[in-house]
Amino acid sequence: MHFGFLGDIYSGAIGASGAIFALGGALAVLRPQMRVMIFPIPAPMPLWIAIVGSFLVLTFIPGVAWTAHLGGILTGAAAGWYWRRGRYYGD
Protein backbone atom coordinates (compact mmCIF):
# COMPACT_ATOMS: atom_id res chain seq x y z
CA MET A 1 0.00 0.00 0.00
CA HIS A 2 1.32 3.41 -0.91
CA PHE A 3 0.14 6.63 0.74
CA GLY A 4 1.72 9.44 -1.29
CA PHE A 5 4.45 11.23 0.64
CA LEU A 6 4.15 8.74 3.52
CA GLY A 7 5.56 5.97 1.35
CA ASP A 8 4.86 2.28 1.65
CA ILE A 9 3.32 1.35 5.01
CA TYR A 10 4.83 -2.13 4.83
CA SER A 11 8.42 -1.02 4.38
CA GLY A 12 11.03 -1.42 7.07
CA ALA A 13 13.69 0.97 8.26
CA ILE A 14 17.19 0.47 9.55
CA GLY A 15 19.64 2.90 11.04
CA ALA A 16 20.44 4.93 14.11
CA SER A 17 19.40 8.39 12.94
CA GLY A 18 16.27 8.40 15.12
CA ALA A 19 18.44 7.73 18.17
CA ILE A 20 20.89 10.46 17.12
CA PHE A 21 17.99 12.91 16.83
CA ALA A 22 16.79 11.82 20.30
CA LEU A 23 20.19 12.59 21.77
CA GLY A 24 20.16 15.96 20.04
CA GLY A 25 16.69 16.77 21.35
CA ALA A 26 17.68 15.90 24.91
CA LEU A 27 20.89 17.91 24.59
CA ALA A 28 18.99 20.96 23.32
CA VAL A 29 16.75 20.90 26.40
CA LEU A 30 19.40 19.99 28.99
CA ARG A 31 22.21 22.28 27.75
CA PRO A 32 20.70 25.10 25.66
CA GLN A 33 23.81 27.34 26.01
CA MET A 34 26.27 24.63 24.94
CA ARG A 35 28.37 24.91 21.78
CA VAL A 36 28.02 21.92 19.46
CA MET A 37 30.70 20.75 17.04
CA ILE A 38 29.21 20.53 13.54
CA PHE A 39 32.06 18.76 11.84
CA PRO A 40 35.09 20.91 12.75
CA ILE A 41 33.07 24.11 13.37
CA PRO A 42 31.76 24.98 16.87
CA ALA A 43 28.19 26.28 16.65
CA PRO A 44 25.79 27.61 19.30
CA MET A 45 22.86 25.39 20.20
CA PRO A 46 20.21 27.61 18.47
CA LEU A 47 22.09 27.26 15.17
CA TRP A 48 22.32 23.50 15.66
CA ILE A 49 18.56 23.35 16.29
CA ALA A 50 17.95 25.34 13.07
CA ILE A 51 20.17 22.92 11.12
CA VAL A 52 18.37 19.88 12.55
CA GLY A 53 14.99 21.50 11.88
CA SER A 54 15.89 22.18 8.27
CA PHE A 55 17.10 18.60 7.93
CA LEU A 56 13.72 17.39 9.21
CA VAL A 57 11.93 19.47 6.58
CA LEU A 58 14.22 18.21 3.83
CA THR A 59 13.59 14.55 4.74
CA PHE A 60 9.87 14.67 3.87
CA ILE A 61 10.61 12.63 0.76
CA PRO A 62 9.79 8.98 0.02
CA GLY A 63 12.44 6.53 1.12
CA VAL A 64 13.57 8.55 4.14
CA ALA A 65 12.27 7.64 7.60
CA TRP A 66 11.32 11.21 8.53
CA THR A 67 8.93 9.88 11.14
CA ALA A 68 11.85 8.25 12.94
CA HIS A 69 13.74 11.55 12.88
CA LEU A 70 10.76 13.56 14.11
CA GLY A 71 9.85 10.96 16.74
CA GLY A 72 13.45 10.80 17.90
CA ILE A 73 13.84 14.52 18.42
CA LEU A 74 10.45 14.85 20.15
CA THR A 75 11.14 11.88 22.43
CA GLY A 76 14.61 13.21 23.26
CA ALA A 77 13.26 16.68 24.04
CA ALA A 78 10.55 15.18 26.26
CA ALA A 79 13.10 13.02 28.08
CA GLY A 80 15.40 16.04 28.53
CA TRP A 81 12.51 18.05 29.95
CA TYR A 82 11.67 15.16 32.31
CA TRP A 83 15.27 14.86 33.54
CA ARG A 84 15.68 18.61 33.85
CA ARG A 85 12.71 18.83 36.19
CA GLY A 86 14.34 16.20 38.47
CA ARG A 87 11.68 13.53 38.07
CA TYR A 88 13.94 10.56 37.62
CA TYR A 89 15.28 7.77 39.84
CA GLY A 90 11.91 7.35 41.51
CA ASP A 91 11.45 10.99 42.61
PDB file of N, CA and C in Angstrom:
ATOM      1  N   MET A   1       0.827  -1.169   0.000  1.00  0.00           N
ATOM      2  CA  MET A   1       0.000   0.000   0.000  1.00  0.00           C
ATOM      3  C   MET A   1       0.876   1.238   0.000  1.00  0.00           C
ATOM      4  N   HIS A   2       0.530   2.190  -0.805  1.00  0.00           N
ATOM      5  CA  HIS A   2       1.323   3.412  -0.908  1.00  0.00           C
ATOM      6  C   HIS A   2       0.431   4.611  -0.579  1.00  0.00           C
ATOM      7  N   PHE A   3       0.915   5.474   0.307  1.00  0.00           N
ATOM      8  CA  PHE A   3       0.140   6.633   0.737  1.00  0.00           C
ATOM      9  C   PHE A   3       0.849   7.942   0.400  1.00  0.00           C
ATOM     10  N   GLY A   4       1.123   8.179  -0.853  1.00  0.00           N
ATOM     11  CA  GLY A   4       1.720   9.443  -1.285  1.00  0.00           C
ATOM     12  C   GLY A   4       3.055   9.716  -0.628  1.00  0.00           C
ATOM     13  N   PHE A   5       3.176  10.860   0.052  1.00  0.00           N
ATOM     14  CA  PHE A   5       4.450  11.233   0.643  1.00  0.00           C
ATOM     15  C   PHE A   5       4.808  10.377   1.851  1.00  0.00           C
ATOM     16  N   LEU A   6       3.851   9.625   2.393  1.00  0.00           N
ATOM     17  CA  LEU A   6       4.151   8.743   3.516  1.00  0.00           C
ATOM     18  C   LEU A   6       4.910   7.501   3.093  1.00  0.00           C
ATOM     19  N   GLY A   7       4.851   7.140   1.828  1.00  0.00           N
ATOM     20  CA  GLY A   7       5.562   5.970   1.347  1.00  0.00           C
ATOM     21  C   GLY A   7       4.771   4.693   1.555  1.00  0.00           C
ATOM     22  N   ASP A   8       5.455   3.597   1.505  1.00  0.00           N
ATOM     23  CA  ASP A   8       4.856   2.276   1.649  1.00  0.00           C
ATOM     24  C   ASP A   8       4.720   1.942   3.126  1.00  0.00           C
ATOM     25  N   ILE A   9       3.518   1.631   3.588  1.00  0.00           N
ATOM     26  CA  ILE A   9       3.318   1.354   5.007  1.00  0.00           C
ATOM     27  C   ILE A   9       3.907   0.016   5.434  1.00  0.00           C
ATOM     28  N   TYR A  10       4.263  -0.836   4.488  1.00  0.00           N
ATOM     29  CA  TYR A  10       4.826  -2.132   4.831  1.00  0.00           C
ATOM     30  C   TYR A  10       6.344  -2.164   4.692  1.00  0.00           C
ATOM     31  N   SER A  11       6.967  -1.036   4.526  1.00  0.00           N
ATOM     32  CA  SER A  11       8.424  -1.021   4.383  1.00  0.00           C
ATOM     33  C   SER A  11       9.082  -0.939   5.760  1.00  0.00           C
ATOM     34  N   GLY A  12      10.271  -1.458   5.835  1.00  0.00           N
ATOM     35  CA  GLY A  12      11.031  -1.425   7.072  1.00  0.00           C
ATOM     36  C   GLY A  12      12.044  -0.295   7.053  1.00  0.00           C
ATOM     37  N   ALA A  13      12.664  -0.066   8.166  1.00  0.00           N
ATOM     38  CA  ALA A  13      13.689   0.970   8.265  1.00  0.00           C
ATOM     39  C   ALA A  13      14.831   0.432   9.110  1.00  0.00           C
ATOM     40  N   ILE A  14      16.009   0.877   8.794  1.00  0.00           N
ATOM     41  CA  ILE A  14      17.185   0.466   9.550  1.00  0.00           C
ATOM     42  C   ILE A  14      18.093   1.674   9.699  1.00  0.00           C
ATOM     43  N   GLY A  15      18.734   1.786  10.818  1.00  0.00           N
ATOM     44  CA  GLY A  15      19.644   2.898  11.041  1.00  0.00           C
ATOM     45  C   GLY A  15      19.528   3.429  12.457  1.00  0.00           C
ATOM     46  N   ALA A  16      20.397   4.354  12.774  1.00  0.00           N
ATOM     47  CA  ALA A  16      20.443   4.926  14.110  1.00  0.00           C
ATOM     48  C   ALA A  16      20.106   6.410  14.121  1.00  0.00           C
ATOM     49  N   SER A  17      19.629   6.946  13.009  1.00  0.00           N
ATOM     50  CA  SER A  17      19.404   8.386  12.939  1.00  0.00           C
ATOM     51  C   SER A  17      18.316   8.847  13.904  1.00  0.00           C
ATOM     52  N   GLY A  18      17.301   8.037  14.149  1.00  0.00           N
ATOM     53  CA  GLY A  18      16.270   8.405  15.122  1.00  0.00           C
ATOM     54  C   GLY A  18      16.862   8.545  16.518  1.00  0.00           C
ATOM     55  N   ALA A  19      17.773   7.652  16.866  1.00  0.00           N
ATOM     56  CA  ALA A  19      18.442   7.733  18.170  1.00  0.00           C
ATOM     57  C   ALA A  19      19.361   8.951  18.251  1.00  0.00           C
ATOM     58  N   ILE A  20      20.037   9.273  17.153  1.00  0.00           N
ATOM     59  CA  ILE A  20      20.890  10.460  17.124  1.00  0.00           C
ATOM     60  C   ILE A  20      20.046  11.712  17.308  1.00  0.00           C
ATOM     61  N   PHE A  21      18.889  11.774  16.661  1.00  0.00           N
ATOM     62  CA  PHE A  21      17.988  12.910  16.829  1.00  0.00           C
ATOM     63  C   PHE A  21      17.477  12.983  18.267  1.00  0.00           C
ATOM     64  N   ALA A  22      17.226  11.828  18.902  1.00  0.00           N
ATOM     65  CA  ALA A  22      16.786  11.818  20.300  1.00  0.00           C
ATOM     66  C   ALA A  22      17.862  12.390  21.211  1.00  0.00           C
ATOM     67  N   LEU A  23      19.099  12.025  20.979  1.00  0.00           N
ATOM     68  CA  LEU A  23      20.187  12.587  21.772  1.00  0.00           C
ATOM     69  C   LEU A  23      20.291  14.092  21.560  1.00  0.00           C
ATOM     70  N   GLY A  24      20.132  14.529  20.331  1.00  0.00           N
ATOM     71  CA  GLY A  24      20.161  15.962  20.038  1.00  0.00           C
ATOM     72  C   GLY A  24      19.021  16.709  20.699  1.00  0.00           C
ATOM     73  N   GLY A  25      17.830  16.130  20.696  1.00  0.00           N
ATOM     74  CA  GLY A  25      16.685  16.768  21.352  1.00  0.00           C
ATOM     75  C   GLY A  25      16.885  16.899  22.849  1.00  0.00           C
ATOM     76  N   ALA A  26      17.411  15.850  23.477  1.00  0.00           N
ATOM     77  CA  ALA A  26      17.684  15.900  24.915  1.00  0.00           C
ATOM     78  C   ALA A  26      18.776  16.927  25.221  1.00  0.00           C
ATOM     79  N   LEU A  27      19.804  16.956  24.402  1.00  0.00           N
ATOM     80  CA  LEU A  27      20.895  17.910  24.592  1.00  0.00           C
ATOM     81  C   LEU A  27      20.400  19.343  24.460  1.00  0.00           C
ATOM     82  N   ALA A  28      19.523  19.605  23.515  1.00  0.00           N
ATOM     83  CA  ALA A  28      18.993  20.955  23.317  1.00  0.00           C
ATOM     84  C   ALA A  28      18.202  21.431  24.531  1.00  0.00           C
ATOM     85  N   VAL A  29      17.526  20.518  25.219  1.00  0.00           N
ATOM     86  CA  VAL A  29      16.752  20.896  26.402  1.00  0.00           C
ATOM     87  C   VAL A  29      17.642  20.982  27.639  1.00  0.00           C
ATOM     88  N   LEU A  30      18.567  20.041  27.789  1.00  0.00           N
ATOM     89  CA  LEU A  30      19.398  19.994  28.989  1.00  0.00           C
ATOM     90  C   LEU A  30      20.518  21.033  28.998  1.00  0.00           C
ATOM     91  N   ARG A  31      21.079  21.343  27.855  1.00  0.00           N
ATOM     92  CA  ARG A  31      22.205  22.278  27.754  1.00  0.00           C
ATOM     93  C   ARG A  31      21.979  23.292  26.625  1.00  0.00           C
ATOM     94  N   PRO A  32      21.015  24.192  26.768  1.00  0.00           N
ATOM     95  CA  PRO A  32      20.697  25.104  25.664  1.00  0.00           C
ATOM     96  C   PRO A  32      21.803  26.115  25.345  1.00  0.00           C
ATOM     97  N   GLN A  33      22.729  26.381  26.258  1.00  0.00           N
ATOM     98  CA  GLN A  33      23.808  27.340  26.007  1.00  0.00           C
ATOM     99  C   GLN A  33      25.089  26.676  25.509  1.00  0.00           C
ATOM    100  N   MET A  34      25.082  25.372  25.355  1.00  0.00           N
ATOM    101  CA  MET A  34      26.274  24.627  24.945  1.00  0.00           C
ATOM    102  C   MET A  34      26.622  24.881  23.480  1.00  0.00           C
ATOM    103  N   ARG A  35      27.909  24.826  23.173  1.00  0.00           N
ATOM    104  CA  ARG A  35      28.366  24.914  21.785  1.00  0.00           C
ATOM    105  C   ARG A  35      28.516  23.485  21.262  1.00  0.00           C
ATOM    106  N   VAL A  36      28.015  23.244  20.071  1.00  0.00           N
ATOM    107  CA  VAL A  36      28.023  21.920  19.464  1.00  0.00           C
ATOM    108  C   VAL A  36      29.000  21.927  18.302  1.00  0.00           C
ATOM    109  N   MET A  37      29.771  20.856  18.159  1.00  0.00           N
ATOM    110  CA  MET A  37      30.696  20.745  17.039  1.00  0.00           C
ATOM    111  C   MET A  37      29.957  20.173  15.834  1.00  0.00           C
ATOM    112  N   ILE A  38      29.805  20.984  14.799  1.00  0.00           N
ATOM    113  CA  ILE A  38      29.213  20.527  13.541  1.00  0.00           C
ATOM    114  C   ILE A  38      30.385  20.342  12.596  1.00  0.00           C
ATOM    115  N   PHE A  39      30.818  19.120  12.508  1.00  0.00           N
ATOM    116  CA  PHE A  39      32.061  18.762  11.838  1.00  0.00           C
ATOM    117  C   PHE A  39      33.172  19.558  12.527  1.00  0.00           C
ATOM    118  N   PRO A  40      34.050  20.265  11.927  1.00  0.00           N
ATOM    119  CA  PRO A  40      35.090  20.912  12.746  1.00  0.00           C
ATOM    120  C   PRO A  40      34.712  22.311  13.231  1.00  0.00           C
ATOM    121  N   ILE A  41      33.461  22.734  13.053  1.00  0.00           N
ATOM    122  CA  ILE A  41      33.074  24.110  13.374  1.00  0.00           C
ATOM    123  C   ILE A  41      32.208  24.129  14.632  1.00  0.00           C
ATOM    124  N   PRO A  42      32.625  24.864  15.685  1.00  0.00           N
ATOM    125  CA  PRO A  42      31.757  24.981  16.870  1.00  0.00           C
ATOM    126  C   PRO A  42      30.585  25.914  16.564  1.00  0.00           C
ATOM    127  N   ALA A  43      29.398  25.493  16.922  1.00  0.00           N
ATOM    128  CA  ALA A  43      28.193  26.285  16.648  1.00  0.00           C
ATOM    129  C   ALA A  43      27.359  26.382  17.923  1.00  0.00           C
ATOM    130  N   PRO A  44      26.690  27.510  18.141  1.00  0.00           N
ATOM    131  CA  PRO A  44      25.793  27.611  19.303  1.00  0.00           C
ATOM    132  C   PRO A  44      24.578  26.705  19.123  1.00  0.00           C
ATOM    133  N   MET A  45      23.987  26.322  20.221  1.00  0.00           N
ATOM    134  CA  MET A  45      22.856  25.395  20.204  1.00  0.00           C
ATOM    135  C   MET A  45      21.698  25.882  19.329  1.00  0.00           C
ATOM    136  N   PRO A  46      21.310  27.192  19.351  1.00  0.00           N
ATOM    137  CA  PRO A  46      20.208  27.615  18.470  1.00  0.00           C
ATOM    138  C   PRO A  46      20.504  27.365  16.984  1.00  0.00           C
ATOM    139  N   LEU A  47      21.740  27.546  16.559  1.00  0.00           N
ATOM    140  CA  LEU A  47      22.094  27.264  15.169  1.00  0.00           C
ATOM    141  C   LEU A  47      21.981  25.772  14.888  1.00  0.00           C
ATOM    142  N   TRP A  48      22.421  24.947  15.829  1.00  0.00           N
ATOM    143  CA  TRP A  48      22.325  23.498  15.663  1.00  0.00           C
ATOM    144  C   TRP A  48      20.863  23.080  15.545  1.00  0.00           C
ATOM    145  N   ILE A  49      19.995  23.677  16.357  1.00  0.00           N
ATOM    146  CA  ILE A  49      18.565  23.355  16.289  1.00  0.00           C
ATOM    147  C   ILE A  49      17.996  23.753  14.926  1.00  0.00           C
ATOM    148  N   ALA A  50      18.420  24.903  14.401  1.00  0.00           N
ATOM    149  CA  ALA A  50      17.954  25.336  13.073  1.00  0.00           C
ATOM    150  C   ALA A  50      18.426  24.366  11.991  1.00  0.00           C
ATOM    151  N   ILE A  51      19.641  23.881  12.098  1.00  0.00           N
ATOM    152  CA  ILE A  51      20.168  22.922  11.116  1.00  0.00           C
ATOM    153  C   ILE A  51      19.382  21.617  11.184  1.00  0.00           C
ATOM    154  N   VAL A  52      19.141  21.124  12.387  1.00  0.00           N
ATOM    155  CA  VAL A  52      18.375  19.883  12.554  1.00  0.00           C
ATOM    156  C   VAL A  52      16.947  20.078  12.058  1.00  0.00           C
ATOM    157  N   GLY A  53      16.338  21.228  12.352  1.00  0.00           N
ATOM    158  CA  GLY A  53      14.985  21.502  11.882  1.00  0.00           C
ATOM    159  C   GLY A  53      14.898  21.533  10.372  1.00  0.00           C
ATOM    160  N   SER A  54      15.889  22.147   9.740  1.00  0.00           N
ATOM    161  CA  SER A  54      15.886  22.179   8.275  1.00  0.00           C
ATOM    162  C   SER A  54      16.105  20.787   7.703  1.00  0.00           C
ATOM    163  N   PHE A  55      16.907  19.977   8.380  1.00  0.00           N
ATOM    164  CA  PHE A  55      17.099  18.598   7.932  1.00  0.00           C
ATOM    165  C   PHE A  55      15.799  17.819   8.026  1.00  0.00           C
ATOM    166  N   LEU A  56      15.019  18.061   9.087  1.00  0.00           N
ATOM    167  CA  LEU A  56      13.719  17.392   9.213  1.00  0.00           C
ATOM    168  C   LEU A  56      12.799  17.763   8.057  1.00  0.00           C
ATOM    169  N   VAL A  57      12.782  19.031   7.686  1.00  0.00           N
ATOM    170  CA  VAL A  57      11.933  19.465   6.583  1.00  0.00           C
ATOM    171  C   VAL A  57      12.386  18.834   5.271  1.00  0.00           C
ATOM    172  N   LEU A  58      13.684  18.756   5.070  1.00  0.00           N
ATOM    173  CA  LEU A  58      14.218  18.205   3.826  1.00  0.00           C
ATOM    174  C   LEU A  58      14.024  16.700   3.699  1.00  0.00           C
ATOM    175  N   THR A  59      13.750  16.006   4.808  1.00  0.00           N
ATOM    176  CA  THR A  59      13.593  14.555   4.737  1.00  0.00           C
ATOM    177  C   THR A  59      12.150  14.119   4.499  1.00  0.00           C
ATOM    178  N   PHE A  60      11.254  15.039   4.179  1.00  0.00           N
ATOM    179  CA  PHE A  60       9.874  14.671   3.872  1.00  0.00           C
ATOM    180  C   PHE A  60       9.765  14.152   2.441  1.00  0.00           C
ATOM    181  N   ILE A  61      10.611  13.230   2.083  1.00  0.00           N
ATOM    182  CA  ILE A  61      10.612  12.629   0.757  1.00  0.00           C
ATOM    183  C   ILE A  61      10.489  11.123   0.899  1.00  0.00           C
ATOM    184  N   PRO A  62       9.920  10.442  -0.065  1.00  0.00           N
ATOM    185  CA  PRO A  62       9.793   8.982   0.025  1.00  0.00           C
ATOM    186  C   PRO A  62      11.163   8.310   0.142  1.00  0.00           C
ATOM    187  N   GLY A  63      11.206   7.286   0.940  1.00  0.00           N
ATOM    188  CA  GLY A  63      12.439   6.530   1.120  1.00  0.00           C
ATOM    189  C   GLY A  63      13.255   6.974   2.320  1.00  0.00           C
ATOM    190  N   VAL A  64      12.865   8.066   2.959  1.00  0.00           N
ATOM    191  CA  VAL A  64      13.573   8.548   4.145  1.00  0.00           C
ATOM    192  C   VAL A  64      12.623   8.431   5.327  1.00  0.00           C
ATOM    193  N   ALA A  65      13.109   7.872   6.416  1.00  0.00           N
ATOM    194  CA  ALA A  65      12.270   7.644   7.599  1.00  0.00           C
ATOM    195  C   ALA A  65      12.140   8.930   8.406  1.00  0.00           C
ATOM    196  N   TRP A  66      11.460   9.924   7.851  1.00  0.00           N
ATOM    197  CA  TRP A  66      11.320  11.214   8.531  1.00  0.00           C
ATOM    198  C   TRP A  66      10.549  11.075   9.824  1.00  0.00           C
ATOM    199  N   THR A  67       9.668  10.082   9.904  1.00  0.00           N
ATOM    200  CA  THR A  67       8.926   9.881  11.138  1.00  0.00           C
ATOM    201  C   THR A  67       9.844   9.428  12.267  1.00  0.00           C
ATOM    202  N   ALA A  68      10.873   8.650  11.933  1.00  0.00           N
ATOM    203  CA  ALA A  68      11.855   8.251  12.940  1.00  0.00           C
ATOM    204  C   ALA A  68      12.650   9.456  13.420  1.00  0.00           C
ATOM    205  N   HIS A  69      13.005  10.347  12.508  1.00  0.00           N
ATOM    206  CA  HIS A  69      13.744  11.551  12.880  1.00  0.00           C
ATOM    207  C   HIS A  69      12.888  12.456  13.767  1.00  0.00           C
ATOM    208  N   LEU A  70      11.662  12.701  13.345  1.00  0.00           N
ATOM    209  CA  LEU A  70      10.763  13.555  14.115  1.00  0.00           C
ATOM    210  C   LEU A  70      10.438  12.932  15.475  1.00  0.00           C
ATOM    211  N   GLY A  71      10.129  11.649  15.470  1.00  0.00           N
ATOM    212  CA  GLY A  71       9.848  10.958  16.736  1.00  0.00           C
ATOM    213  C   GLY A  71      11.043  10.945  17.661  1.00  0.00           C
ATOM    214  N   GLY A  72      12.236  10.786  17.094  1.00  0.00           N
ATOM    215  CA  GLY A  72      13.448  10.800  17.901  1.00  0.00           C
ATOM    216  C   GLY A  72      13.677  12.129  18.576  1.00  0.00           C
ATOM    217  N   ILE A  73      13.563  13.212  17.821  1.00  0.00           N
ATOM    218  CA  ILE A  73      13.837  14.524  18.422  1.00  0.00           C
ATOM    219  C   ILE A  73      12.763  14.909  19.444  1.00  0.00           C
ATOM    220  N   LEU A  74      11.513  14.557  19.185  1.00  0.00           N
ATOM    221  CA  LEU A  74      10.451  14.855  20.148  1.00  0.00           C
ATOM    222  C   LEU A  74      10.596  14.018  21.419  1.00  0.00           C
ATOM    223  N   THR A  75      10.936  12.741  21.272  1.00  0.00           N
ATOM    224  CA  THR A  75      11.143  11.883  22.430  1.00  0.00           C
ATOM    225  C   THR A  75      12.341  12.346  23.245  1.00  0.00           C
ATOM    226  N   GLY A  76      13.429  12.709  22.561  1.00  0.00           N
ATOM    227  CA  GLY A  76      14.608  13.207  23.263  1.00  0.00           C
ATOM    228  C   GLY A  76      14.336  14.495  24.009  1.00  0.00           C
ATOM    229  N   ALA A  77      13.597  15.418  23.378  1.00  0.00           N
ATOM    230  CA  ALA A  77      13.262  16.677  24.042  1.00  0.00           C
ATOM    231  C   ALA A  77      12.370  16.426  25.257  1.00  0.00           C
ATOM    232  N   ALA A  78      11.423  15.516  25.133  1.00  0.00           N
ATOM    233  CA  ALA A  78      10.548  15.183  26.262  1.00  0.00           C
ATOM    234  C   ALA A  78      11.347  14.545  27.395  1.00  0.00           C
ATOM    235  N   ALA A  79      12.266  13.654  27.054  1.00  0.00           N
ATOM    236  CA  ALA A  79      13.102  13.024  28.078  1.00  0.00           C
ATOM    237  C   ALA A  79      14.002  14.064  28.745  1.00  0.00           C
ATOM    238  N   GLY A  80      14.570  14.973  27.964  1.00  0.00           N
ATOM    239  CA  GLY A  80      15.397  16.039  28.533  1.00  0.00           C
ATOM    240  C   GLY A  80      14.601  16.915  29.473  1.00  0.00           C
ATOM    241  N   TRP A  81      13.377  17.250  29.079  1.00  0.00           N
ATOM    242  CA  TRP A  81      12.514  18.049  29.949  1.00  0.00           C
ATOM    243  C   TRP A  81      12.223  17.300  31.249  1.00  0.00           C
ATOM    244  N   TYR A  82      11.953  16.010  31.148  1.00  0.00           N
ATOM    245  CA  TYR A  82      11.667  15.163  32.313  1.00  0.00           C
ATOM    246  C   TYR A  82      12.866  15.137  33.255  1.00  0.00           C
ATOM    247  N   TRP A  83      14.065  14.907  32.717  1.00  0.00           N
ATOM    248  CA  TRP A  83      15.273  14.860  33.541  1.00  0.00           C
ATOM    249  C   TRP A  83      15.602  16.223  34.129  1.00  0.00           C
ATOM    250  N   ARG A  84      15.364  17.264  33.376  1.00  0.00           N
ATOM    251  CA  ARG A  84      15.679  18.607  33.847  1.00  0.00           C
ATOM    252  C   ARG A  84      14.818  18.992  35.037  1.00  0.00           C
ATOM    253  N   ARG A  85      13.611  18.521  35.077  1.00  0.00           N
ATOM    254  CA  ARG A  85      12.712  18.833  36.194  1.00  0.00           C
ATOM    255  C   ARG A  85      13.003  17.953  37.411  1.00  0.00           C
ATOM    256  N   GLY A  86      13.943  17.019  37.314  1.00  0.00           N
ATOM    257  CA  GLY A  86      14.338  16.205  38.466  1.00  0.00           C
ATOM    258  C   GLY A  86      13.397  15.077  38.800  1.00  0.00           C
ATOM    259  N   ARG A  87      12.638  14.611  37.818  1.00  0.00           N
ATOM    260  CA  ARG A  87      11.680  13.526  38.066  1.00  0.00           C
ATOM    261  C   ARG A  87      12.222  12.194  37.575  1.00  0.00           C
ATOM    262  N   TYR A  88      13.367  11.826  38.010  1.00  0.00           N
ATOM    263  CA  TYR A  88      13.942  10.556  37.617  1.00  0.00           C
ATOM    264  C   TYR A  88      14.464   9.847  38.861  1.00  0.00           C
ATOM    265  N   TYR A  89      14.830   8.618  38.735  1.00  0.00           N
ATOM    266  CA  TYR A  89      15.281   7.771  39.837  1.00  0.00           C
ATOM    267  C   TYR A  89      14.234   7.676  40.938  1.00  0.00           C
ATOM    268  N   GLY A  90      12.981   7.587  40.544  1.00  0.00           N
ATOM    269  CA  GLY A  90      11.906   7.349  41.509  1.00  0.00           C
ATOM    270  C   GLY A  90      11.460   8.574  42.284  1.00  0.00           C
ATOM    271  N   ASP A  91      11.872   9.775  41.888  1.00  0.00           N
ATOM    272  CA  ASP A  91      11.452  10.988  42.611  1.00  0.00           C
ATOM    273  C   ASP A  91       9.984  11.266  42.390  1.00  0.00           C
TER     274      ASP A  91
END
